[in-house]
Amino acid sequence: MSKISTVVAGTAVAALAALLPSTAQAAPSQLSADGNLHAYLGTYRTSQCAQWEGNSSNWGSCANVTHSLWNNGVDDGTGDVLVYWGTGWTGAYRCINTGTVIDDLSTVTFNRGSGGGRGQTLENNIASHRWVPSGTC
C-alpha cells in the first residue's frame, strides 16, 4: 500500500470516528438538575439509598450508612444543603454546594457547628439534612 493510500485510509477512519456518537457519560455537572439530594450506600454513587427534594430531619434506613452523596439541587436560591451528624438537624454539620458530588465520604469531615460529630468523616455518619440558600457554603 502506498504512503498516500495509508494517509487517506487513516484520515477516513478518523473522520468516521468523529461522526459516531460518543458512549461516554456526561459528568454530573453536565446533567440537568433534578432538585434532589442523592445518598448512596456505595462509593462513587453506587446503590442509591434515597433521594430527597425537601428537608429530612431523619434519614431513617439511610442514616449512618451512606458512602457517597450528590447534591443535584436546582440553583434557584435554595440549592445548597447542610448535612448533619444527628437527627433533627443536630450536632456538627457540613455544607454541600449545589451540583457537588462527593464520591467517597470518608475523605470529608463535619466542619461546622458544635456538639457531636465535629471532625468526624461524613461516611456512615449523616442522619439528617436541610436545604439552605445558595451561596451559604
C-alpha atoms as a PDB file:
ATOM      1  CA  MET A   1       0.000   0.000   0.000  1.00  0.00           C
ATOM      2  CA  SER A   2       1.407   3.382  -0.924  1.00  0.00           C
ATOM      3  CA  LYS A   3       2.014   6.120   1.606  1.00  0.00           C
ATOM      4  CA  ILE A   4      -0.754   8.244   0.086  1.00  0.00           C
ATOM      5  CA  SER A   5      -3.303   5.400   0.394  1.00  0.00           C
ATOM      6  CA  THR A   6      -2.309   4.841   4.024  1.00  0.00           C
ATOM      7  CA  VAL A   7      -2.776   8.522   4.827  1.00  0.00           C
ATOM      8  CA  VAL A   8      -6.157   8.621   3.047  1.00  0.00           C
ATOM      9  CA  ALA A   9      -7.339   5.471   4.861  1.00  0.00           C
ATOM     10  CA  GLY A  10      -6.221   6.847   8.237  1.00  0.00           C
ATOM     11  CA  THR A  11      -7.974  10.139   7.599  1.00  0.00           C
ATOM     12  CA  ALA A  12     -11.178   8.328   6.621  1.00  0.00           C
ATOM     13  CA  VAL A  13     -11.137   6.261   9.837  1.00  0.00           C
ATOM     14  CA  ALA A  14     -10.597   9.392  11.952  1.00  0.00           C
ATOM     15  CA  ALA A  15     -13.441  11.197  10.168  1.00  0.00           C
ATOM     16  CA  LEU A  16     -15.779   8.236  10.687  1.00  0.00           C
ATOM     17  CA  ALA A  17     -14.891   8.047  14.393  1.00  0.00           C
ATOM     18  CA  ALA A  18     -15.704  11.745  14.781  1.00  0.00           C
ATOM     19  CA  LEU A  19     -19.177  11.160  13.314  1.00  0.00           C
ATOM     20  CA  LEU A  20     -20.083   8.241  15.581  1.00  0.00           C
ATOM     21  CA  PRO A  21     -21.937   9.054  18.810  1.00  0.00           C
ATOM     22  CA  SER A  22     -19.862   9.016  21.953  1.00  0.00           C
ATOM     23  CA  THR A  23     -20.588   6.381  24.587  1.00  0.00           C
ATOM     24  CA  ALA A  24     -19.086   8.473  27.394  1.00  0.00           C
ATOM     25  CA  GLN A  25     -21.499   9.523  30.111  1.00  0.00           C
ATOM     26  CA  ALA A  26     -21.934  13.162  30.966  1.00  0.00           C
ATOM     27  CA  ALA A  27     -20.403  14.331  34.208  1.00  0.00           C
ATOM     28  CA  PRO A  28     -22.990  15.125  36.895  1.00  0.00           C
ATOM     29  CA  SER A  29     -22.470  18.863  36.429  1.00  0.00           C
ATOM     30  CA  GLN A  30     -23.461  18.468  32.767  1.00  0.00           C
ATOM     31  CA  LEU A  31     -26.760  16.726  33.558  1.00  0.00           C
ATOM     32  CA  SER A  32     -29.995  18.535  34.264  1.00  0.00           C
ATOM     33  CA  ALA A  33     -30.543  19.210  37.927  1.00  0.00           C
ATOM     34  CA  ASP A  34     -33.428  17.172  39.343  1.00  0.00           C
ATOM     35  CA  GLY A  35     -33.670  19.191  42.565  1.00  0.00           C
ATOM     36  CA  ASN A  36     -32.736  16.280  44.820  1.00  0.00           C
ATOM     37  CA  LEU A  37     -30.074  15.296  47.292  1.00  0.00           C
ATOM     38  CA  HIS A  38     -28.998  11.727  46.460  1.00  0.00           C
ATOM     39  CA  ALA A  39     -27.474   9.397  49.084  1.00  0.00           C
ATOM     40  CA  TYR A  40     -25.710   6.164  48.133  1.00  0.00           C
ATOM     41  CA  LEU A  41     -24.735   3.058  50.065  1.00  0.00           C
ATOM     42  CA  GLY A  42     -21.587   2.611  47.969  1.00  0.00           C
ATOM     43  CA  THR A  43     -18.741   4.887  46.975  1.00  0.00           C
ATOM     44  CA  TYR A  44     -18.834   6.551  43.561  1.00  0.00           C
ATOM     45  CA  ARG A  45     -22.638   6.841  43.633  1.00  0.00           C
ATOM     46  CA  THR A  46     -23.449   3.144  43.584  1.00  0.00           C
ATOM     47  CA  SER A  47     -26.506   1.544  45.170  1.00  0.00           C
ATOM     48  CA  GLN A  48     -28.723   4.556  45.797  1.00  0.00           C
ATOM     49  CA  CYS A  49     -30.321   4.536  49.236  1.00  0.00           C
ATOM     50  CA  ALA A  50     -32.629   7.544  48.836  1.00  0.00           C
ATOM     51  CA  GLN A  51     -33.191  10.910  47.241  1.00  0.00           C
ATOM     52  CA  TRP A  52     -34.917  13.908  48.763  1.00  0.00           C
ATOM     53  CA  GLU A  53     -36.375  17.025  47.209  1.00  0.00           C
ATOM     54  CA  GLY A  54     -37.091  18.670  50.554  1.00  0.00           C
ATOM     55  CA  ASN A  55     -35.640  18.641  54.041  1.00  0.00           C
ATOM     56  CA  SER A  56     -35.341  15.461  56.092  1.00  0.00           C
ATOM     57  CA  SER A  57     -34.957  15.568  59.867  1.00  0.00           C
ATOM     58  CA  ASN A  58     -34.380  11.801  59.978  1.00  0.00           C
ATOM     59  CA  TRP A  59     -32.813   9.747  57.193  1.00  0.00           C
ATOM     60  CA  GLY A  60     -34.379   6.567  58.577  1.00  0.00           C
ATOM     61  CA  SER A  61     -32.843   3.471  56.983  1.00  0.00           C
ATOM     62  CA  CYS A  62     -30.282   5.654  55.157  1.00  0.00           C
ATOM     63  CA  ALA A  63     -28.977   7.260  58.360  1.00  0.00           C
ATOM     64  CA  ASN A  64     -25.373   6.453  59.187  1.00  0.00           C
ATOM     65  CA  VAL A  65     -24.877   4.065  56.244  1.00  0.00           C
ATOM     66  CA  THR A  66     -24.043   6.315  53.283  1.00  0.00           C
ATOM     67  CA  HIS A  67     -20.721   6.353  51.449  1.00  0.00           C
ATOM     68  CA  SER A  68     -21.336   8.965  48.719  1.00  0.00           C
ATOM     69  CA  LEU A  69     -23.573  11.978  48.012  1.00  0.00           C
ATOM     70  CA  TRP A  70     -24.722  14.098  45.107  1.00  0.00           C
ATOM     71  CA  ASN A  71     -26.347  17.486  45.638  1.00  0.00           C
ATOM     72  CA  ASN A  72     -28.235  17.704  42.382  1.00  0.00           C
ATOM     73  CA  GLY A  73     -30.297  20.616  43.625  1.00  0.00           C
ATOM     74  CA  VAL A  74     -31.563  23.401  41.438  1.00  0.00           C
ATOM     75  CA  ASP A  75     -29.687  26.670  41.856  1.00  0.00           C
ATOM     76  CA  ASP A  76     -32.907  28.626  42.307  1.00  0.00           C
ATOM     77  CA  GLY A  77     -31.939  30.362  45.517  1.00  0.00           C
ATOM     78  CA  THR A  78     -32.121  27.286  47.772  1.00  0.00           C
ATOM     79  CA  GLY A  79     -29.648  24.875  46.236  1.00  0.00           C
ATOM     80  CA  ASP A  80     -27.037  24.279  48.934  1.00  0.00           C
ATOM     81  CA  VAL A  81     -27.655  21.608  51.539  1.00  0.00           C
ATOM     82  CA  LEU A  82     -26.455  21.129  55.112  1.00  0.00           C
ATOM     83  CA  VAL A  83     -25.886  17.514  56.170  1.00  0.00           C
ATOM     84  CA  TYR A  84     -25.982  16.847  59.910  1.00  0.00           C
ATOM     85  CA  TRP A  85     -24.377  14.294  62.195  1.00  0.00           C
ATOM     86  CA  GLY A  86     -27.567  13.936  64.271  1.00  0.00           C
ATOM     87  CA  THR A  87     -31.270  13.584  63.568  1.00  0.00           C
ATOM     88  CA  GLY A  88     -33.403  16.712  63.820  1.00  0.00           C
ATOM     89  CA  TRP A  89     -30.595  18.821  62.331  1.00  0.00           C
ATOM     90  CA  THR A  90     -28.430  18.476  65.438  1.00  0.00           C
ATOM     91  CA  GLY A  91     -24.724  18.158  66.063  1.00  0.00           C
ATOM     92  CA  ALA A  92     -21.982  19.102  63.672  1.00  0.00           C
ATOM     93  CA  TYR A  93     -22.762  19.745  60.008  1.00  0.00           C
ATOM     94  CA  ARG A  94     -21.221  20.259  56.594  1.00  0.00           C
ATOM     95  CA  CYS A  95     -22.409  22.468  53.749  1.00  0.00           C
ATOM     96  CA  ILE A  96     -22.597  20.865  50.302  1.00  0.00           C
ATOM     97  CA  ASN A  97     -22.775  23.236  47.310  1.00  0.00           C
ATOM     98  CA  THR A  98     -25.310  22.841  44.543  1.00  0.00           C
ATOM     99  CA  GLY A  99     -24.040  20.345  41.955  1.00  0.00           C
ATOM    100  CA  THR A 100     -21.376  18.863  44.225  1.00  0.00           C
ATOM    101  CA  VAL A 101     -20.607  15.157  44.084  1.00  0.00           C
ATOM    102  CA  ILE A 102     -18.707  13.513  46.928  1.00  0.00           C
ATOM    103  CA  ASP A 103     -17.786  10.055  45.685  1.00  0.00           C
ATOM    104  CA  ASP A 104     -16.101   8.979  48.923  1.00  0.00           C
ATOM    105  CA  LEU A 105     -17.474  10.444  52.147  1.00  0.00           C
ATOM    106  CA  SER A 106     -14.510   9.081  54.124  1.00  0.00           C
ATOM    107  CA  THR A 107     -12.464  11.975  52.720  1.00  0.00           C
ATOM    108  CA  VAL A 108     -14.729  14.757  54.079  1.00  0.00           C
ATOM    109  CA  THR A 109     -15.445  15.764  57.687  1.00  0.00           C
ATOM    110  CA  PHE A 110     -18.142  17.655  59.564  1.00  0.00           C
ATOM    111  CA  ASN A 111     -16.518  21.074  59.861  1.00  0.00           C
ATOM    112  CA  ARG A 112     -19.211  23.362  61.267  1.00  0.00           C
ATOM    113  CA  GLY A 113     -21.407  23.597  64.328  1.00  0.00           C
ATOM    114  CA  SER A 114     -20.960  22.301  67.820  1.00  0.00           C
ATOM    115  CA  GLY A 115     -21.950  19.120  69.527  1.00  0.00           C
ATOM    116  CA  GLY A 116     -21.436  15.561  68.438  1.00  0.00           C
ATOM    117  CA  GLY A 117     -19.662  14.650  65.260  1.00  0.00           C
ATOM    118  CA  ARG A 118     -17.400  17.654  64.659  1.00  0.00           C
ATOM    119  CA  GLY A 119     -14.236  16.453  62.913  1.00  0.00           C
ATOM    120  CA  GLN A 120     -15.670  13.026  62.083  1.00  0.00           C
ATOM    121  CA  THR A 121     -15.992  11.875  58.492  1.00  0.00           C
ATOM    122  CA  LEU A 122     -19.336  12.075  56.740  1.00  0.00           C
ATOM    123  CA  GLU A 123     -19.065   8.384  55.836  1.00  0.00           C
ATOM    124  CA  ASN A 124     -21.672   6.419  57.803  1.00  0.00           C
ATOM    125  CA  ASN A 125     -22.412   9.491  59.950  1.00  0.00           C
ATOM    126  CA  ILE A 126     -25.143  11.563  58.247  1.00  0.00           C
ATOM    127  CA  ALA A 127     -28.579  11.427  59.891  1.00  0.00           C
ATOM    128  CA  SER A 128     -30.450  14.500  58.538  1.00  0.00           C
ATOM    129  CA  HIS A 129     -30.231  17.381  56.090  1.00  0.00           C
ATOM    130  CA  ARG A 130     -31.875  20.662  55.182  1.00  0.00           C
ATOM    131  CA  TRP A 131     -31.752  22.926  52.152  1.00  0.00           C
ATOM    132  CA  VAL A 132     -30.342  26.431  52.588  1.00  0.00           C
ATOM    133  CA  PRO A 133     -29.910  29.477  50.331  1.00  0.00           C
ATOM    134  CA  SER A 134     -27.427  29.117  47.501  1.00  0.00           C
ATOM    135  CA  GLY A 135     -24.133  30.697  48.478  1.00  0.00           C
ATOM    136  CA  THR A 136     -24.330  29.503  52.090  1.00  0.00           C
ATOM    137  CA  CYS A 137     -21.354  27.247  51.550  1.00  0.00           C
END
